[in-house]
Protein backbone atom coordinates (compact mmCIF):
# COMPACT_ATOMS: atom_id res chain seq x y z
CA MET A 1 -0.57 -22.70 35.80
CA GLU A 2 -0.80 -18.96 36.02
CA LYS A 3 -2.19 -17.03 32.99
CA ASN A 4 1.24 -14.73 32.87
CA PRO A 5 4.05 -17.14 33.99
CA LYS A 6 6.98 -14.70 34.80
CA MET A 7 11.05 -15.40 34.16
CA SER A 8 11.25 -16.24 37.15
CA ASP A 9 8.02 -19.28 37.52
CA VAL A 10 10.51 -21.13 34.89
CA ALA A 11 13.46 -20.96 36.90
CA ARG A 12 11.46 -22.42 39.30
CA LEU A 13 10.10 -25.28 37.82
CA ALA A 14 12.87 -25.95 36.19
CA GLY A 15 15.21 -25.75 39.18
CA VAL A 16 17.64 -22.78 37.34
CA SER A 17 18.18 -19.58 38.36
CA SER A 18 16.83 -17.15 36.41
CA MET A 19 20.17 -16.31 34.48
CA THR A 20 19.76 -19.44 33.46
CA VAL A 21 16.44 -19.43 32.23
CA SER A 22 17.52 -16.14 29.90
CA ARG A 23 20.36 -17.75 28.42
CA VAL A 24 18.57 -21.23 27.15
CA LEU A 25 16.27 -18.31 25.71
CA SER A 26 18.44 -16.21 23.92
CA ASN A 27 20.11 -19.93 22.66
CA ASN A 28 23.47 -19.11 24.36
CA ALA A 29 25.81 -22.36 23.43
CA ASN A 30 26.59 -22.30 27.81
CA VAL A 31 24.17 -24.10 28.94
CA ARG A 32 24.12 -27.62 29.39
CA PRO A 33 22.01 -30.00 27.18
CA LYS A 34 20.59 -31.29 29.80
CA THR A 35 19.81 -28.06 32.04
CA ARG A 36 18.45 -26.70 28.43
CA GLU A 37 16.36 -29.47 28.10
CA ARG A 38 14.34 -28.62 32.09
CA VAL A 39 13.97 -25.32 31.19
CA LEU A 40 12.78 -26.09 27.71
CA LYS A 41 10.04 -28.56 29.29
CA ALA A 42 9.19 -25.84 31.81
CA VAL A 43 8.77 -23.31 29.37
CA LYS A 44 6.41 -25.44 27.02
CA ALA A 45 4.25 -26.77 30.55
CA LEU A 46 4.30 -22.72 31.31
CA ASP A 47 3.20 -21.31 28.00
CA TYR A 48 5.56 -18.61 29.03
CA TYR A 49 6.91 -16.06 26.59
CA PRO A 50 9.35 -13.23 26.73
CA SER A 51 7.37 -10.45 26.67
CA ALA A 52 7.94 -7.56 24.21
CA SER A 53 9.72 -5.29 26.49
CA ALA A 54 12.96 -7.80 27.53
CA ARG A 55 12.92 -9.40 23.39
CA ALA A 56 13.71 -5.94 22.46
CA LEU A 57 16.49 -5.50 25.50
CA SER A 58 18.35 -8.59 24.32
CA ARG A 59 18.64 -7.89 20.97
CA GLN A 60 19.08 -3.70 20.88
CA VAL A 61 14.98 -3.88 19.06
CA THR A 62 11.65 -1.95 18.86
CA GLY A 63 9.80 -5.15 18.64
CA ASN A 64 8.27 -3.56 16.02
CA LEU A 65 7.28 -1.76 12.80
CA GLY A 66 5.72 1.02 11.39
CA LEU A 67 3.75 1.53 8.78
CA MET A 68 3.48 5.29 7.30
CA VAL A 69 1.37 6.77 4.63
CA GLY A 70 0.63 10.10 4.02
CA HIS A 71 -2.65 11.26 4.72
CA LYS A 72 -5.26 10.02 6.56
CA PRO A 73 -7.80 7.13 6.67
CA ARG A 74 -10.73 7.06 3.70
CA PHE A 75 -13.48 4.61 3.37
CA ASP A 76 -11.96 1.76 1.77
CA GLU A 77 -8.85 3.16 0.46
CA PHE A 78 -6.19 0.57 -0.61
CA PHE A 79 -3.69 1.00 2.27
CA ASN A 80 -6.80 -0.66 3.62
CA TYR A 81 -5.54 -3.96 2.53
CA VAL A 82 -2.54 -3.40 2.62
CA VAL A 83 -1.83 -2.99 6.48
CA ARG A 84 -3.48 -6.39 6.70
CA ALA A 85 -0.34 -8.82 4.77
CA ILE A 86 1.79 -6.59 6.27
CA GLU A 87 0.37 -7.87 9.77
CA GLU A 88 0.76 -10.97 9.23
CA GLU A 89 4.41 -10.79 7.86
CA SER A 90 5.35 -9.26 11.53
CA TYR A 91 3.45 -11.62 12.67
CA ARG A 92 5.44 -14.26 11.70
CA HIS A 93 8.68 -12.05 12.45
CA GLU A 94 7.41 -11.97 15.84
CA TYR A 95 6.60 -8.18 15.74
CA SER A 96 4.89 -5.39 16.02
CA LEU A 97 2.50 -2.61 13.51
CA ILE A 98 2.28 0.71 13.97
CA ILE A 99 0.31 2.71 11.85
CA SER A 100 0.33 7.19 11.16
CA MET A 101 -2.35 7.43 8.82
CA GLN A 102 -2.17 11.10 8.96
CA ALA A 103 -1.65 14.71 6.32
CA LEU A 104 2.18 15.38 7.16
CA LYS A 105 3.64 18.49 6.16
CA PRO A 106 6.76 18.07 4.25
CA GLY A 107 10.13 16.83 6.05
CA THR A 108 7.68 16.09 9.70
CA LEU A 109 7.63 12.54 10.77
CA PRO A 110 5.45 10.85 13.05
CA MET A 111 5.72 10.10 16.79
CA MET A 112 6.74 6.89 16.19
CA VAL A 113 10.18 7.63 13.83
CA ARG A 114 10.75 11.20 16.10
CA GLN A 115 10.35 9.01 19.99
CA ARG A 116 12.41 5.57 17.85
CA LYS A 117 10.37 3.44 18.34
CA VAL A 118 10.16 1.26 15.64
CA ASP A 119 13.00 -0.91 14.04
CA GLY A 120 12.09 -0.28 10.30
CA ILE A 121 9.51 1.55 8.05
CA ILE A 122 6.85 1.46 5.64
CA ALA A 123 5.35 4.70 3.73
CA GLY A 124 4.14 5.56 0.53
CA GLY A 125 1.29 6.66 -1.50
CA PRO A 126 0.22 9.40 -3.44
CA GLU A 127 0.70 12.07 -0.95
CA ILE A 128 4.05 11.07 0.73
CA SER A 129 7.11 13.75 0.64
CA LEU A 130 10.79 13.24 -0.18
CA GLU A 131 11.28 15.23 2.38
CA THR A 132 9.86 13.41 5.06
CA LEU A 133 11.01 10.07 4.08
CA LEU A 134 14.77 12.08 3.99
CA ALA A 135 14.86 12.85 7.74
CA ILE A 136 13.55 9.37 8.96
CA GLU A 137 16.45 8.15 6.70
CA ASN A 138 18.97 11.18 8.66
CA LYS A 139 17.87 8.89 11.75
CA ALA A 140 19.52 5.83 10.57
CA ILE A 141 16.09 4.23 9.95
CA PRO A 142 15.34 1.41 6.94
CA ILE A 143 13.06 2.30 5.25
CA VAL A 144 10.44 0.30 2.11
CA LEU A 145 8.01 3.18 0.53
CA ILE A 146 5.18 1.25 -0.92
CA ALA A 147 2.73 2.48 -3.93
CA ASN A 148 5.21 5.55 -5.13
CA CYS A 149 8.78 6.02 -5.26
CA PHE A 150 10.90 8.89 -5.98
CA GLU A 151 13.87 8.77 -9.17
CA SER A 152 15.56 11.67 -7.24
CA HIS A 153 16.80 9.55 -4.34
CA PRO A 154 16.79 5.88 -4.93
CA PHE A 155 14.85 3.37 -1.84
CA HIS A 156 13.77 -0.16 -1.68
CA HIS A 157 9.99 0.35 -2.81
CA GLY A 158 7.26 -1.81 -4.37
CA VAL A 159 4.50 -0.50 -7.32
CA ALA A 160 2.03 -1.96 -9.21
CA ASP A 161 2.82 -2.59 -12.90
CA ASP A 162 1.00 1.02 -13.48
CA TYR A 163 1.76 1.39 -16.65
CA THR A 164 0.61 -1.97 -18.15
CA GLY A 165 -2.39 -2.07 -16.25
CA ALA A 166 -3.35 1.47 -17.42
CA TYR A 167 -2.22 0.71 -20.79
CA THR A 168 -4.90 -2.90 -21.16
CA ALA A 169 -7.81 -0.20 -19.85
CA VAL A 170 -7.77 2.21 -21.63
CA GLU A 171 -6.64 -0.28 -24.88
CA HIS A 172 -10.84 -2.15 -23.73
CA LEU A 173 -11.84 1.41 -23.83
CA ILE A 174 -10.51 1.36 -27.60
CA GLN A 175 -11.55 -1.90 -28.39
CA LEU A 176 -15.22 -0.64 -27.11
CA GLY A 177 -14.88 2.36 -29.37
CA HIS A 178 -14.25 4.82 -27.96
CA GLN A 179 -12.37 7.87 -29.09
CA GLN A 180 -12.28 10.18 -26.65
CA ILE A 181 -11.25 8.71 -23.40
CA ALA A 182 -10.61 11.45 -20.59
CA PHE A 183 -8.02 10.85 -17.90
CA VAL A 184 -9.00 11.75 -13.99
CA GLY A 185 -5.66 11.48 -11.88
CA GLY A 186 -4.94 12.94 -8.95
CA ASN A 187 -1.19 14.30 -9.02
CA LEU A 188 0.68 13.84 -11.84
CA LYS A 189 3.66 14.88 -9.60
CA ASN A 190 3.09 11.18 -8.33
CA TYR A 191 5.74 8.10 -9.86
CA CYS A 192 2.46 6.10 -9.78
CA ILE A 193 -0.47 8.67 -11.33
CA ALA A 194 2.62 9.02 -14.04
CA LYS A 195 3.68 5.66 -15.52
CA ARG A 196 -0.85 5.01 -15.58
CA PHE A 197 -1.05 8.60 -17.43
CA ASN A 198 1.61 7.55 -19.70
CA GLY A 199 0.23 4.21 -20.41
CA TYR A 200 -2.91 6.20 -20.95
CA ARG A 201 -1.18 8.18 -23.74
CA GLU A 202 0.64 5.89 -24.68
CA THR A 203 -1.54 3.82 -25.96
CA LEU A 204 -3.85 6.46 -27.52
CA GLN A 205 -0.49 7.10 -29.84
CA LYS A 206 -0.70 3.50 -30.91
CA ALA A 207 -4.07 3.96 -31.83
CA ASN A 208 -3.81 7.04 -33.53
CA LEU A 209 -6.03 8.96 -31.88
CA GLN A 210 -5.45 12.56 -31.33
CA PHE A 211 -4.20 13.01 -27.32
CA ASP A 212 -6.42 16.63 -26.36
CA GLN A 213 -5.02 18.17 -23.25
CA ARG A 214 -8.70 18.76 -22.30
CA VAL A 215 -9.89 15.87 -21.55
CA ILE A 216 -6.37 15.85 -18.21
CA PHE A 217 -8.01 16.40 -15.33
CA GLU A 218 -5.58 16.81 -12.59
CA GLY A 219 -6.56 16.79 -8.14
CA ASP A 220 -7.22 15.08 -4.86
CA TYR A 221 -6.77 11.32 -5.18
CA SER A 222 -10.53 11.27 -3.81
CA ARG A 223 -13.59 10.30 -4.68
CA GLU A 224 -15.08 13.87 -3.43
CA ALA A 225 -12.27 15.46 -6.90
CA GLY A 226 -13.91 12.56 -9.35
CA LYS A 227 -17.38 14.09 -8.02
CA ILE A 228 -15.73 17.46 -9.51
CA HIS A 229 -14.59 16.74 -12.96
CA ALA A 230 -17.95 15.10 -13.63
CA GLY A 231 -18.75 18.71 -13.53
CA GLU A 232 -16.06 19.99 -15.55
CA ILE A 233 -16.36 16.66 -18.46
CA LEU A 234 -19.79 17.77 -18.81
CA ALA A 235 -18.99 21.13 -19.26
CA LEU A 236 -16.63 20.06 -22.43
CA ARG A 237 -17.97 21.27 -26.26
CA PRO A 238 -18.08 17.52 -27.16
CA ARG A 239 -17.37 15.66 -24.66
CA PRO A 240 -15.53 12.52 -24.05
CA THR A 241 -17.16 9.38 -24.51
CA ALA A 242 -15.05 7.18 -21.71
CA ALA A 243 -12.57 8.09 -19.22
CA PHE A 244 -9.54 6.28 -17.28
CA CYS A 245 -9.45 7.07 -13.60
CA SER A 246 -6.60 5.79 -11.77
CA GLY A 247 -7.71 5.42 -8.92
CA ALA A 248 -11.14 3.42 -7.99
CA LEU A 249 -12.89 6.73 -5.63
CA LEU A 250 -11.69 8.63 -8.42
CA ALA A 251 -13.76 6.40 -10.48
CA MET A 252 -15.87 6.32 -8.41
CA GLY A 253 -17.00 9.76 -7.44
CA LEU A 254 -17.10 10.73 -11.12
CA MET A 255 -19.72 7.63 -11.63
CA GLN A 256 -21.61 9.46 -9.16
CA GLY A 257 -21.27 12.41 -10.62
CA LEU A 258 -22.10 12.02 -13.75
CA GLN A 259 -25.22 9.72 -12.86
CA GLU A 260 -26.64 12.63 -10.88
CA ASN A 261 -26.62 14.67 -13.19
CA GLY A 262 -28.32 12.52 -16.03
CA LEU A 263 -26.21 10.69 -17.51
CA THR A 264 -27.31 7.04 -17.36
CA ILE A 265 -23.17 4.67 -17.11
CA PRO A 266 -22.62 3.34 -19.98
CA ARG A 267 -25.29 3.21 -22.14
CA ASP A 268 -24.27 7.88 -22.11
CA PHE A 269 -21.16 7.26 -20.38
CA ALA A 270 -18.31 4.18 -19.68
CA ILE A 271 -15.12 4.60 -16.80
CA VAL A 272 -12.43 2.30 -16.29
CA GLY A 273 -11.28 2.58 -12.80
CA PHE A 274 -7.49 1.47 -10.94
CA ASP A 275 -6.69 -0.33 -8.10
CA ASP A 276 -10.19 -2.11 -7.82
CA ILE A 277 -10.91 -1.72 -4.47
CA ASN A 278 -14.34 -3.42 -2.72
CA SER A 279 -16.91 -1.35 -2.41
CA ALA A 280 -16.17 -0.79 -6.52
CA SER A 281 -17.95 -4.84 -7.08
CA LEU A 282 -21.07 -2.81 -4.72
CA CYS A 283 -21.58 0.43 -6.78
CA ARG A 284 -23.87 0.64 -9.59
CA PRO A 285 -23.11 -0.91 -11.94
CA PRO A 286 -20.25 -2.23 -10.91
CA LEU A 287 -17.26 -0.88 -11.79
CA THR A 288 -14.77 -2.32 -14.29
CA THR A 289 -10.96 -1.37 -13.19
CA VAL A 290 -7.17 -2.73 -12.97
CA ALA A 291 -6.57 -5.10 -10.27
CA ILE A 292 -3.91 -4.67 -8.11
CA ASP A 293 -2.61 -7.41 -5.59
CA LYS A 294 -2.43 -5.74 -2.99
CA LYS A 295 -1.72 -8.75 -0.67
CA ALA A 296 1.53 -9.65 -3.09
CA ILE A 297 2.56 -4.94 -2.64
CA GLY A 298 2.24 -5.66 1.13
CA GLN A 299 3.80 -8.54 1.85
CA LEU A 300 7.24 -8.15 -0.19
CA ALA A 301 7.52 -4.80 1.24
CA ALA A 302 6.82 -5.83 4.78
CA GLN A 303 10.23 -8.93 3.83
CA LYS A 304 12.21 -6.31 2.24
CA LEU A 305 11.77 -4.42 5.13
CA PHE A 306 13.43 -6.83 6.97
CA GLN A 307 15.73 -7.81 5.42
CA LEU A 308 16.89 -4.31 5.92
CA ILE A 309 16.95 -4.45 9.27
CA LYS A 310 19.31 -7.25 9.40
CA SER A 311 21.12 -5.98 6.12
CA PRO A 312 21.25 -1.40 6.55
CA SER A 313 23.90 -1.62 3.90
CA LEU A 314 21.02 -3.77 0.68
CA LYS A 315 20.98 -1.43 -2.70
CA PRO A 316 17.82 -0.08 -3.76
CA ALA A 317 16.15 -3.01 -5.51
CA LYS A 318 12.21 -2.69 -7.07
CA ILE A 319 9.26 -4.59 -6.07
CA VAL A 320 6.47 -4.73 -9.65
CA VAL A 321 3.16 -6.41 -8.88
CA SER A 322 0.86 -7.61 -12.36
CA THR A 323 -2.34 -5.79 -12.75
CA ASN A 324 -4.41 -7.58 -14.58
CA LEU A 325 -8.22 -5.57 -16.04
CA VAL A 326 -11.45 -6.76 -14.06
CA ILE A 327 -14.17 -6.93 -16.45
CA ARG A 328 -17.36 -5.82 -14.61
CA GLY A 329 -20.34 -2.98 -15.76
CA SER A 330 -18.90 0.89 -15.63
CA CYS A 331 -17.74 -0.44 -19.74
CA GLY A 332 -21.22 -2.08 -21.70
CA GLY A 333 -21.21 -2.88 -25.47
CA SER A 334 -19.50 -1.08 -28.07
CA VAL A 335 -20.34 2.39 -28.86
CA SER A 336 -23.99 2.65 -31.25
CA GLY A 337 -23.77 5.68 -34.19
């Protein structure tokens, strides 16, 4: 048996032409049953699979999906988990996955889109721009958006239940006795972060706690930004006793910044994050955080994209994945005094 059998090898073993083999593999009805059986036996005996390029030509598709995130790769980041689920679903459909993780100017397209190397795009993250998505849409390439949404222009999109997740996290801090709770987030113009902020604000309101604009911090969605916000919080008088962070990286950066300035977590300050990436359980103390089923987001987004590739006129749909609070050591017990 050859390591890389060709269609001509299958044809030779089955005693038919290569055209007949092609017809069998494309499920053409104009093949005699006995001939089809001989071809399929030869295919199995040689362990033959048609090349991706040959299948793409016959089906007029690329055989590729694209995952586009509008920022450069980050260690232990949300999309590193989502991509595994997308890859698994792509494999089930005999598709390959091309990944583009780079900072893009609004309206700029990655090479895989410009060269039309993909049949559909899963795109998202806080930094993805509407202009870039519209540019992809103008090329008639199906899009499913994840971890973001643009209410001014509906796309098929998958998000976590950000509002409920934030509500549960802030409610937990209130139950521990915290009355002044900071919000440490990325860009509040982002759909998901705005939903988390709304959950934070409305939890305070329902608990009859004062909303204080001084303890609302916006910035980059990164660990480094969390450290910067630590310095800003330390400068406040009076200082909040806890913070809800809209991402785990922000929360870990905040924790590090406070610890480097002499505070003990959670004795002096309590922190809750969002996303529950692996390193959240490894920091000291382990981070209390809102967990998202990242595999479900990736899997459902890929399934929706395959539906769109087959039926481009499907009306935009919203996929919402539930959240749950994972309580660890960064909150501690109730506030004393």
